[in-house]
Amino acid sequence: MERRNVWADRGFIHVLGPSPALTPGGKGDWDGGVLESSGVFKDGNTYYWYYHAWSADEKLWPGGYRVGVATAPTPLGPWRKYEKNPILDHGPKGSWDDSWVACAVVLKEGAYDIKGGTEKYYMFYSASGSGSETVDIGLAVADNPLGPWRKYEKNPIVEDFGYLGGVVKV
């Protein structure tokens, strides 16, 4: 079923497109339990939808949320999940983010690094560790919006921030 409806109010534009735009994976998949939206980022002619999910199969995928990405040529899709998902996993046992990682927001640094490097992408994400009562913010860096993502060695960058909600960056 395809629905389309557009309305604007005070500068915000709401568009209903194909529903649902993205669905949980199948039994045994890393995203086969719950799938929640985080942020959408446009780079060039591609939209990147970062989302977090967990598996219904704790034996194959223990722990909580992981971050994945889907891409599309327009905000209405069609959205395709990246075959190398999840792109960001929770950390090893005993680390600050060993329970879950979620709510990814990605920003791009400039068009070109004047030092001769490539463009950089920065992912800010919420995370928590086992036994922790706080939600902290971490940072990961990549040369491509699909990754591979490298977690910043001095994470968390903000402690006890709370659960970071999703945003759209175009």
N, C-alpha and C. Protein backbone atom coordinates (compact mmCIF):
# COMPACT_ATOMS: atom_id res chain seq x y z
N MET A 1 0.85 -1.17 0.00
CA MET A 1 0.00 0.00 0.00
C MET A 1 0.90 1.24 0.00
N GLU A 2 0.58 2.18 -0.85
CA GLU A 2 1.38 3.39 -0.92
C GLU A 2 0.52 4.59 -0.57
N ARG A 3 0.95 5.34 0.45
CA ARG A 3 0.24 6.56 0.86
C ARG A 3 1.15 7.74 0.58
N ARG A 4 0.56 8.81 0.13
CA ARG A 4 1.33 10.04 -0.05
C ARG A 4 0.45 11.21 0.37
N ASN A 5 1.01 12.01 1.24
CA ASN A 5 0.30 13.18 1.73
C ASN A 5 1.36 14.18 2.16
N VAL A 6 1.21 15.42 1.79
CA VAL A 6 2.19 16.44 2.13
C VAL A 6 1.47 17.63 2.75
N TRP A 7 2.01 18.15 3.85
CA TRP A 7 1.48 19.39 4.41
C TRP A 7 2.63 20.16 5.03
N ALA A 8 2.48 21.47 5.09
CA ALA A 8 3.51 22.33 5.68
C ALA A 8 2.88 23.22 6.73
N ASP A 9 3.61 23.45 7.82
CA ASP A 9 3.12 24.30 8.89
C ASP A 9 4.33 24.97 9.53
N ARG A 10 4.38 26.29 9.49
CA ARG A 10 5.46 27.06 10.12
C ARG A 10 6.85 26.59 9.68
N GLY A 11 7.00 26.30 8.41
CA GLY A 11 8.30 25.92 7.90
C GLY A 11 8.61 24.44 7.95
N PHE A 12 7.82 23.65 8.67
CA PHE A 12 8.03 22.21 8.71
C PHE A 12 7.22 21.57 7.61
N ILE A 13 7.79 20.60 6.94
CA ILE A 13 7.06 19.88 5.90
C ILE A 13 6.94 18.43 6.33
N HIS A 14 5.73 17.93 6.35
CA HIS A 14 5.45 16.55 6.72
C HIS A 14 5.05 15.79 5.47
N VAL A 15 5.73 14.70 5.19
CA VAL A 15 5.44 13.90 4.00
C VAL A 15 5.17 12.47 4.43
N LEU A 16 4.03 11.95 4.05
CA LEU A 16 3.76 10.53 4.25
C LEU A 16 4.09 9.81 2.97
N GLY A 17 4.91 8.79 3.05
CA GLY A 17 5.28 8.01 1.88
C GLY A 17 4.89 6.57 2.08
N PRO A 18 5.60 5.66 1.41
CA PRO A 18 5.31 4.24 1.59
C PRO A 18 5.40 3.88 3.07
N SER A 19 4.49 3.07 3.54
CA SER A 19 4.44 2.76 4.96
C SER A 19 4.42 1.26 5.16
N PRO A 20 5.28 0.68 5.98
CA PRO A 20 6.40 1.35 6.65
C PRO A 20 7.57 1.52 5.69
N ALA A 21 8.38 2.52 5.95
CA ALA A 21 9.53 2.80 5.10
C ALA A 21 10.67 1.81 5.35
N LEU A 22 10.75 1.29 6.57
CA LEU A 22 11.80 0.35 6.96
C LEU A 22 11.21 -0.61 7.97
N THR A 23 11.47 -1.89 7.83
CA THR A 23 10.90 -2.88 8.73
C THR A 23 12.00 -3.68 9.43
N PRO A 24 11.69 -4.27 10.60
CA PRO A 24 12.68 -5.11 11.27
C PRO A 24 13.09 -6.28 10.38
N GLY A 25 14.29 -6.80 10.64
CA GLY A 25 14.78 -7.96 9.90
C GLY A 25 14.04 -9.22 10.29
N GLY A 26 14.47 -10.32 9.73
CA GLY A 26 13.85 -11.61 9.99
C GLY A 26 14.38 -12.27 11.25
N LYS A 27 13.84 -13.43 11.55
CA LYS A 27 14.26 -14.19 12.73
C LYS A 27 15.76 -14.48 12.64
N GLY A 28 16.47 -14.17 13.70
CA GLY A 28 17.91 -14.39 13.74
C GLY A 28 18.74 -13.23 13.24
N ASP A 29 18.11 -12.23 12.63
CA ASP A 29 18.84 -11.06 12.16
C ASP A 29 19.18 -10.14 13.33
N TRP A 30 20.22 -9.34 13.17
CA TRP A 30 20.64 -8.41 14.22
C TRP A 30 19.55 -7.40 14.53
N ASP A 31 18.70 -7.09 13.55
CA ASP A 31 17.63 -6.10 13.73
C ASP A 31 16.24 -6.74 13.66
N GLY A 32 16.15 -8.00 14.07
CA GLY A 32 14.89 -8.74 13.97
C GLY A 32 13.92 -8.52 15.11
N GLY A 33 14.30 -7.78 16.14
CA GLY A 33 13.41 -7.55 17.27
C GLY A 33 12.69 -6.22 17.14
N VAL A 34 13.35 -5.16 17.58
CA VAL A 34 12.78 -3.82 17.54
C VAL A 34 13.68 -2.95 16.67
N LEU A 35 13.08 -2.11 15.84
CA LEU A 35 13.81 -1.18 14.99
C LEU A 35 13.27 0.22 15.25
N GLU A 36 14.16 1.16 15.59
CA GLU A 36 13.75 2.54 15.87
C GLU A 36 14.60 3.51 15.05
N SER A 37 13.99 4.61 14.67
CA SER A 37 14.66 5.61 13.85
C SER A 37 15.56 6.50 14.68
N SER A 38 16.65 6.94 14.08
CA SER A 38 17.55 7.89 14.73
C SER A 38 17.64 9.17 13.93
N GLY A 39 18.42 9.17 12.87
CA GLY A 39 18.61 10.39 12.10
C GLY A 39 18.78 10.13 10.63
N VAL A 40 18.46 11.14 9.81
CA VAL A 40 18.63 11.07 8.37
C VAL A 40 19.65 12.13 7.97
N PHE A 41 20.55 11.76 7.09
CA PHE A 41 21.65 12.62 6.67
C PHE A 41 21.75 12.54 5.16
N LYS A 42 21.85 13.69 4.47
CA LYS A 42 22.00 13.70 3.02
C LYS A 42 23.43 14.06 2.67
N ASP A 43 24.04 13.25 1.81
CA ASP A 43 25.38 13.50 1.33
C ASP A 43 25.39 13.24 -0.17
N GLY A 44 25.64 14.28 -0.96
CA GLY A 44 25.55 14.13 -2.42
C GLY A 44 24.12 13.86 -2.82
N ASN A 45 23.91 12.81 -3.58
CA ASN A 45 22.56 12.44 -4.03
C ASN A 45 21.97 11.29 -3.24
N THR A 46 22.55 10.98 -2.09
CA THR A 46 22.09 9.84 -1.30
C THR A 46 21.66 10.28 0.09
N TYR A 47 20.56 9.70 0.55
CA TYR A 47 20.08 9.89 1.91
C TYR A 47 20.51 8.68 2.73
N TYR A 48 21.01 8.92 3.93
CA TYR A 48 21.45 7.87 4.84
C TYR A 48 20.56 7.93 6.07
N TRP A 49 19.89 6.85 6.35
CA TRP A 49 18.99 6.78 7.50
C TRP A 49 19.65 5.89 8.54
N TYR A 50 20.12 6.51 9.62
CA TYR A 50 20.75 5.78 10.71
C TYR A 50 19.65 5.38 11.69
N TYR A 51 19.64 4.12 12.05
CA TYR A 51 18.62 3.61 12.96
C TYR A 51 19.27 2.65 13.95
N HIS A 52 18.58 2.37 15.03
CA HIS A 52 19.09 1.39 15.98
C HIS A 52 18.06 0.29 16.14
N ALA A 53 18.56 -0.88 16.45
CA ALA A 53 17.69 -2.05 16.55
C ALA A 53 18.34 -3.09 17.45
N TRP A 54 17.53 -4.04 17.86
CA TRP A 54 18.09 -5.20 18.55
C TRP A 54 17.44 -6.45 18.01
N SER A 55 18.10 -7.56 18.27
CA SER A 55 17.64 -8.84 17.76
C SER A 55 16.71 -9.51 18.75
N ALA A 56 15.79 -10.30 18.22
CA ALA A 56 14.94 -11.13 19.08
C ALA A 56 15.69 -12.40 19.48
N ASP A 57 16.85 -12.65 18.88
CA ASP A 57 17.64 -13.85 19.13
C ASP A 57 18.87 -13.50 19.97
N GLU A 58 18.74 -13.61 21.29
CA GLU A 58 19.83 -13.26 22.21
C GLU A 58 21.04 -14.18 22.07
N LYS A 59 20.84 -15.40 21.58
CA LYS A 59 21.97 -16.32 21.43
C LYS A 59 22.89 -15.87 20.29
N LEU A 60 22.31 -15.45 19.18
CA LEU A 60 23.10 -14.99 18.04
C LEU A 60 23.60 -13.56 18.23
N TRP A 61 22.77 -12.71 18.81
CA TRP A 61 23.08 -11.29 18.96
C TRP A 61 22.82 -10.85 20.40
N PRO A 62 23.71 -11.20 21.35
CA PRO A 62 23.48 -10.80 22.75
C PRO A 62 23.62 -9.29 22.93
N GLY A 63 22.95 -8.79 23.94
CA GLY A 63 23.04 -7.36 24.25
C GLY A 63 21.90 -6.57 23.65
N GLY A 64 22.03 -5.28 23.73
CA GLY A 64 20.95 -4.39 23.31
C GLY A 64 21.14 -3.79 21.94
N TYR A 65 20.73 -2.54 21.83
CA TYR A 65 20.75 -1.85 20.54
C TYR A 65 22.12 -1.84 19.87
N ARG A 66 22.07 -1.88 18.54
CA ARG A 66 23.21 -1.64 17.66
C ARG A 66 22.74 -0.64 16.62
N VAL A 67 23.66 -0.01 15.90
CA VAL A 67 23.30 1.00 14.90
C VAL A 67 23.48 0.42 13.50
N GLY A 68 22.48 0.67 12.66
CA GLY A 68 22.54 0.28 11.25
C GLY A 68 22.23 1.48 10.38
N VAL A 69 22.32 1.29 9.07
CA VAL A 69 22.05 2.37 8.13
C VAL A 69 21.32 1.80 6.91
N ALA A 70 20.44 2.62 6.36
CA ALA A 70 19.77 2.32 5.10
C ALA A 70 19.98 3.52 4.19
N THR A 71 19.97 3.30 2.89
CA THR A 71 20.19 4.39 1.94
C THR A 71 19.02 4.48 0.96
N ALA A 72 18.84 5.69 0.41
CA ALA A 72 17.78 5.91 -0.58
C ALA A 72 18.15 7.11 -1.45
N PRO A 73 17.58 7.18 -2.66
CA PRO A 73 17.82 8.33 -3.52
C PRO A 73 16.97 9.55 -3.17
N THR A 74 15.89 9.34 -2.42
CA THR A 74 15.00 10.42 -1.99
C THR A 74 14.55 10.13 -0.56
N PRO A 75 14.04 11.13 0.16
CA PRO A 75 13.56 10.87 1.51
C PRO A 75 12.39 9.88 1.55
N LEU A 76 11.69 9.72 0.44
CA LEU A 76 10.57 8.78 0.38
C LEU A 76 11.01 7.37 0.02
N GLY A 77 12.29 7.17 -0.24
CA GLY A 77 12.78 5.84 -0.54
C GLY A 77 12.88 5.58 -2.03
N PRO A 78 12.98 4.33 -2.39
CA PRO A 78 12.92 3.17 -1.49
C PRO A 78 14.21 3.04 -0.67
N TRP A 79 14.03 2.68 0.61
CA TRP A 79 15.15 2.53 1.53
C TRP A 79 15.69 1.12 1.45
N ARG A 80 17.02 1.00 1.37
CA ARG A 80 17.68 -0.30 1.32
C ARG A 80 18.68 -0.39 2.48
N LYS A 81 18.54 -1.44 3.27
CA LYS A 81 19.47 -1.65 4.38
C LYS A 81 20.85 -2.01 3.84
N TYR A 82 21.86 -1.47 4.47
CA TYR A 82 23.25 -1.74 4.10
C TYR A 82 23.60 -3.18 4.45
N GLU A 83 24.22 -3.88 3.51
CA GLU A 83 24.49 -5.31 3.70
C GLU A 83 25.53 -5.60 4.78
N LYS A 84 26.31 -4.59 5.20
CA LYS A 84 27.33 -4.81 6.24
C LYS A 84 26.85 -4.34 7.62
N ASN A 85 25.55 -4.11 7.79
CA ASN A 85 25.00 -3.75 9.10
C ASN A 85 25.23 -4.88 10.10
N PRO A 86 25.34 -4.58 11.39
CA PRO A 86 25.33 -3.25 11.99
C PRO A 86 26.65 -2.53 11.76
N ILE A 87 26.57 -1.21 11.64
CA ILE A 87 27.78 -0.42 11.39
C ILE A 87 28.44 0.05 12.68
N LEU A 88 27.70 0.01 13.79
CA LEU A 88 28.27 0.36 15.09
C LEU A 88 27.71 -0.59 16.13
N ASP A 89 28.61 -1.30 16.81
CA ASP A 89 28.21 -2.29 17.81
C ASP A 89 28.55 -1.77 19.19
N HIS A 90 27.92 -2.37 20.21
CA HIS A 90 28.30 -1.96 21.56
C HIS A 90 29.70 -2.51 21.86
N GLY A 91 30.32 -1.94 22.86
CA GLY A 91 31.70 -2.26 23.16
C GLY A 91 31.88 -3.60 23.86
N PRO A 92 33.14 -3.99 24.09
CA PRO A 92 33.43 -5.25 24.77
C PRO A 92 33.01 -5.19 26.24
N LYS A 93 32.83 -6.35 26.84
CA LYS A 93 32.41 -6.44 28.24
C LYS A 93 33.32 -5.59 29.12
N GLY A 94 32.68 -4.79 29.97
CA GLY A 94 33.42 -3.92 30.89
C GLY A 94 33.66 -2.51 30.37
N SER A 95 33.32 -2.27 29.10
CA SER A 95 33.51 -0.92 28.54
C SER A 95 32.31 -0.04 28.86
N TRP A 96 32.46 1.25 28.68
CA TRP A 96 31.41 2.22 29.01
C TRP A 96 30.16 2.02 28.17
N ASP A 97 30.29 1.38 26.99
CA ASP A 97 29.15 1.20 26.07
C ASP A 97 28.88 -0.28 25.79
N ASP A 98 29.10 -1.15 26.79
CA ASP A 98 28.95 -2.58 26.54
C ASP A 98 27.51 -3.09 26.55
N SER A 99 26.53 -2.24 26.87
CA SER A 99 25.13 -2.68 26.87
C SER A 99 24.42 -2.37 25.57
N TRP A 100 24.55 -1.13 25.10
CA TRP A 100 23.87 -0.74 23.87
C TRP A 100 24.45 0.56 23.32
N VAL A 101 24.26 0.76 22.00
CA VAL A 101 24.56 2.01 21.31
C VAL A 101 23.34 2.35 20.46
N ALA A 102 22.96 3.63 20.42
CA ALA A 102 21.72 4.01 19.73
C ALA A 102 21.75 5.49 19.36
N CYS A 103 20.69 5.94 18.70
CA CYS A 103 20.43 7.36 18.43
C CYS A 103 21.56 8.05 17.68
N ALA A 104 22.03 7.45 16.61
CA ALA A 104 23.15 8.01 15.85
C ALA A 104 22.74 9.26 15.08
N VAL A 105 23.59 10.28 15.16
CA VAL A 105 23.45 11.51 14.39
C VAL A 105 24.79 11.73 13.69
N VAL A 106 24.78 11.91 12.37
CA VAL A 106 26.02 12.02 11.61
C VAL A 106 26.16 13.42 11.00
N LEU A 107 27.37 13.96 11.11
CA LEU A 107 27.72 15.25 10.51
C LEU A 107 28.95 15.06 9.64
N LYS A 108 29.06 15.88 8.61
CA LYS A 108 30.20 15.82 7.69
C LYS A 108 31.08 17.04 7.90
N GLU A 109 32.40 16.81 7.92
CA GLU A 109 33.36 17.90 8.06
C GLU A 109 33.82 18.35 6.68
N GLY A 110 33.46 19.57 6.31
CA GLY A 110 33.95 20.20 5.09
C GLY A 110 33.93 19.35 3.84
N ALA A 111 34.20 19.98 2.73
CA ALA A 111 34.22 19.26 1.46
C ALA A 111 35.55 18.54 1.26
N TYR A 112 36.63 19.08 1.83
CA TYR A 112 37.94 18.47 1.64
C TYR A 112 38.87 18.95 2.74
N ASP A 113 39.62 18.04 3.31
CA ASP A 113 40.58 18.37 4.35
C ASP A 113 41.81 19.02 3.70
N ILE A 114 42.14 20.25 4.06
CA ILE A 114 43.25 20.97 3.42
C ILE A 114 44.60 20.32 3.70
N LYS A 115 44.67 19.42 4.66
CA LYS A 115 45.91 18.73 4.97
C LYS A 115 46.15 17.56 4.00
N GLY A 116 45.28 17.42 3.01
CA GLY A 116 45.47 16.36 2.03
C GLY A 116 44.69 15.10 2.31
N GLY A 117 43.91 15.09 3.35
CA GLY A 117 43.12 13.92 3.68
C GLY A 117 41.78 13.91 2.96
N THR A 118 40.96 13.00 3.35
CA THR A 118 39.63 12.89 2.76
C THR A 118 38.60 13.53 3.68
N GLU A 119 37.39 13.58 3.20
CA GLU A 119 36.29 14.09 4.02
C GLU A 119 36.14 13.19 5.25
N LYS A 120 35.67 13.77 6.34
CA LYS A 120 35.45 13.02 7.57
C LYS A 120 33.99 13.10 7.96
N TYR A 121 33.49 12.01 8.50
CA TYR A 121 32.12 11.93 9.00
C TYR A 121 32.20 11.62 10.49
N TYR A 122 31.38 12.32 11.26
CA TYR A 122 31.38 12.17 12.71
C TYR A 122 30.01 11.68 13.15
N MET A 123 30.00 10.58 13.88
CA MET A 123 28.76 10.02 14.41
C MET A 123 28.74 10.25 15.92
N PHE A 124 27.72 10.94 16.37
CA PHE A 124 27.47 11.11 17.79
C PHE A 124 26.37 10.12 18.15
N TYR A 125 26.52 9.42 19.26
CA TYR A 125 25.55 8.39 19.61
C TYR A 125 25.40 8.27 21.13
N SER A 126 24.23 7.82 21.54
CA SER A 126 23.97 7.54 22.95
C SER A 126 24.41 6.12 23.25
N ALA A 127 24.87 5.89 24.48
CA ALA A 127 25.29 4.54 24.85
C ALA A 127 25.26 4.39 26.36
N SER A 128 25.26 3.12 26.79
CA SER A 128 25.30 2.83 28.21
C SER A 128 26.00 1.50 28.42
N GLY A 129 26.60 1.37 29.59
CA GLY A 129 27.29 0.13 29.94
C GLY A 129 26.52 -0.66 30.97
N SER A 130 26.87 -1.93 31.10
CA SER A 130 26.18 -2.78 32.08
C SER A 130 26.43 -2.25 33.48
N GLY A 131 25.38 -2.19 34.25
CA GLY A 131 25.47 -1.67 35.61
C GLY A 131 25.43 -0.16 35.71
N SER A 132 25.45 0.54 34.58
CA SER A 132 25.43 1.99 34.60
C SER A 132 24.00 2.51 34.68
N GLU A 133 23.83 3.59 35.40
CA GLU A 133 22.51 4.22 35.48
C GLU A 133 22.46 5.49 34.63
N THR A 134 23.52 5.75 33.88
CA THR A 134 23.56 6.95 33.05
C THR A 134 23.61 6.59 31.57
N VAL A 135 23.25 7.56 30.76
CA VAL A 135 23.39 7.46 29.31
C VAL A 135 24.41 8.51 28.89
N ASP A 136 25.47 8.07 28.24
CA ASP A 136 26.55 8.95 27.84
C ASP A 136 26.55 9.12 26.32
N ILE A 137 27.30 10.11 25.84
CA ILE A 137 27.42 10.36 24.41
C ILE A 137 28.81 9.96 23.94
N GLY A 138 28.84 9.19 22.86
CA GLY A 138 30.10 8.76 22.26
C GLY A 138 30.28 9.37 20.88
N LEU A 139 31.48 9.25 20.37
CA LEU A 139 31.83 9.75 19.05
C LEU A 139 32.54 8.66 18.27
N ALA A 140 32.18 8.52 17.00
CA ALA A 140 32.88 7.62 16.09
C ALA A 140 33.18 8.40 14.81
N VAL A 141 34.25 8.04 14.12
CA VAL A 141 34.70 8.77 12.93
C VAL A 141 34.86 7.79 11.78
N ALA A 142 34.53 8.26 10.56
CA ALA A 142 34.69 7.45 9.35
C ALA A 142 35.04 8.33 8.17
N ASP A 143 35.57 7.71 7.13
CA ASP A 143 35.86 8.42 5.88
C ASP A 143 34.71 8.32 4.89
N ASN A 144 33.69 7.55 5.25
CA ASN A 144 32.54 7.30 4.39
C ASN A 144 31.30 7.20 5.27
N PRO A 145 30.15 7.69 4.85
CA PRO A 145 28.96 7.61 5.71
C PRO A 145 28.50 6.19 6.01
N LEU A 146 29.02 5.20 5.27
CA LEU A 146 28.71 3.80 5.54
C LEU A 146 29.73 3.15 6.47
N GLY A 147 30.81 3.86 6.75
CA GLY A 147 31.85 3.32 7.61
C GLY A 147 33.01 2.81 6.80
N PRO A 148 33.94 2.09 7.43
CA PRO A 148 33.86 1.61 8.80
C PRO A 148 34.03 2.75 9.81
N TRP A 149 33.31 2.62 10.92
CA TRP A 149 33.31 3.63 11.97
C TRP A 149 34.31 3.25 13.04
N ARG A 150 35.14 4.22 13.44
CA ARG A 150 36.14 4.02 14.48
C ARG A 150 35.72 4.84 15.70
N LYS A 151 35.54 4.16 16.82
CA LYS A 151 35.15 4.87 18.04
C LYS A 151 36.33 5.68 18.56
N TYR A 152 36.03 6.89 19.02
CA TYR A 152 37.02 7.78 19.60
C TYR A 152 37.58 7.15 20.87
N GLU A 153 38.90 7.13 20.99
CA GLU A 153 39.54 6.43 22.11
C GLU A 153 39.28 7.06 23.47
N LYS A 154 38.84 8.33 23.50
CA LYS A 154 38.58 8.98 24.79
C LYS A 154 37.08 9.06 25.11
N ASN A 155 36.28 8.21 24.45
CA ASN A 155 34.85 8.15 24.77
C ASN A 155 34.64 7.76 26.22
N PRO A 156 33.55 8.19 26.83
CA PRO A 156 32.50 9.04 26.27
C PRO A 156 32.94 10.50 26.23
N ILE A 157 32.40 11.24 25.26
CA ILE A 157 32.77 12.66 25.15
C ILE A 157 31.89 13.53 26.04
N VAL A 158 30.68 13.06 26.36
CA VAL A 158 29.80 13.76 27.31
C VAL A 158 29.21 12.69 28.22
N GLU A 159 29.42 12.84 29.52
CA GLU A 159 28.88 11.87 30.47
C GLU A 159 27.53 12.31 31.00
N ASP A 160 26.69 11.34 31.28
CA ASP A 160 25.37 11.56 31.89
C ASP A 160 24.55 12.60 31.14
N PHE A 161 24.55 12.51 29.82
CA PHE A 161 23.82 13.46 28.98
C PHE A 161 22.34 13.11 28.87
N GLY A 162 22.04 11.84 28.87
CA GLY A 162 20.67 11.40 28.63
C GLY A 162 20.54 10.83 27.24
N TYR A 163 19.36 10.39 26.93
CA TYR A 163 19.07 9.72 25.67
C TYR A 163 18.95 10.75 24.56
N LEU A 164 19.86 10.74 23.60
CA LEU A 164 19.90 11.69 22.49
C LEU A 164 18.88 11.28 21.44
N GLY A 165 17.92 12.13 21.14
CA GLY A 165 16.91 11.81 20.14
C GLY A 165 17.43 12.00 18.73
N GLY A 166 16.68 11.53 17.76
CA GLY A 166 17.07 11.61 16.36
C GLY A 166 16.77 12.98 15.76
N VAL A 167 17.50 13.30 14.70
CA VAL A 167 17.31 14.55 13.97
C VAL A 167 17.46 14.28 12.48
N VAL A 168 17.05 15.22 11.68
CA VAL A 168 17.27 15.14 10.24
C VAL A 168 18.26 16.22 9.87
N LYS A 169 19.31 15.85 9.14
CA LYS A 169 20.33 16.80 8.69
C LYS A 169 20.38 16.72 7.18
N VAL A 170 19.98 17.80 6.50
CA VAL A 170 19.98 17.81 5.03
C VAL A 170 20.91 18.90 4.54
